[in-house]
Structure formats: C-alpha cells, structure tokens
Amino acid sequence: MKKESEMKEIKIIAVCPSPVILAGLASILSSTPDFRLLETLSDLSELSRKCISKSGAAVVILDPAAVPAENLRSIRYSYDCIANSVLLAFLNAPYPDDVLSQFEGCVSMNHNAASIIKAVRAACTAHGHQEDGTDVTLSQEGSEGVLSPREKEIVTLVAEGYINKEIADNLGLSVFTVTTHRKNISQKLGIRSIAGLTVYAMMNGLVKK
C-alpha cells in the first residue's frame, strides 16, 4: 500500500449552497495531505468547462440541493462541464434512486471526516482515476469513435429512455459500472446529451427510427 506522501494528489471541487457546511467540508478536504481543494462554490452555475479543464479536477463533491429541481435528474447532461467528472453526492436529505444513480458515491453530512475522506478516495480510484493519476476505463476495445458491444447496448437503452439504474438492472451491472461506460461513450463520440445519443443510436441502427 502506498504511503500518503507517494500518492498522486486528488484535485477536488466542492459545491454546496450552505456557506457553513461548505466551510466545514473545505476544512476536512484541505487538511488531507493528498487532497487539493481547488474551488468551493455555492451552485453549479458558477462552474464552467474552462474551470474543470484548466484545473484538472478529478472529483466534484456536490450537494444535490445546489442543483435546480428541473435539472436534478439529468445533472451531467444539464451541466456538460462535469459530464466526465467523478461525482460524489454530499447529502443532507433523502433523494430518489434516479438522482443518486448519477453519482459515483454518496456521503452524508452527518458522516465523520474519516468516512468522507475514505469515500472520496474510493470513488476516485474505482470510477475514473487511480492513485497514480492515470485514467481507468472499463472498455479497451476499438479506437476513438468505435463502441464496444456493451457500449452499444448501453447507448440503445439510453436512447430508449432508460435511466442508469434501469440499465444496470437490465444488463446485470452496477450503477457505477454503467456510469463509467457512459463516460467512455461520451469521450469516444464527443456526445454528452441524451438527445445526441438518441440521434446517434437511430443513425447507426441501434434503435428503430
């Protein structure tokens, strides 16, 4: 096991509408040696693709209360700047499965510092970035723009209106695995909206027009 001094730093952006809670979270993150807190924001409207790409943030810790109700069930597609980020939900209230399925992990505001730190590391390592900073992909076949059979299955189900949890149940996968596949698909095709994936599926014979 690597020592903390040998671990690649994890760059983080935290988003929460409560200044007091955000300050507490920031204190925990900033005091962790291998974490680098880049930004603390009150809502996602303050975040841009330029900010994400420039900072190289691996993880966005997000309180769903910072997201308008109309975007709550399509967070990645309403805010394409975080379409390929590792998302960790920071919860102070219950949310339905179709909201939580968009995240790589969840922590409660009632959890202690050790639990929050552990959750960030676990989400980052398992769903997008290893401790050495390299990307983790579930699908290695093919080149850019070429989808694997599993990715085609997922695109088909997305185009048919299934949410991540339903896709996971349908294919016998975890929600986290489906989310990671969808990140790979977005990177390969350069398409981040459900509407765009639907058009792609129709044009490539994955669903009936």
Foldseek 3Di string as FASTA:
>chain_A
DDDLVPFAAAEEEEEAQDPVLLVVVCVLQVPRSRYDYDYYYDACVPDALCNCVVRVHQEYEYALVRPPPVCQLPVCQVHVSCLQHAYEYEYDDDDDPSNVLLHLYYDYSPDDSVVVVVGVQVSSCPQFANRRGDGDAPDDDDDQQDDDPVLLLLLLVLLVPDGLVVSCVVVVHDSSNSSRSLSSVCRRNVDRHSVVSNVVCCVVVSDPD
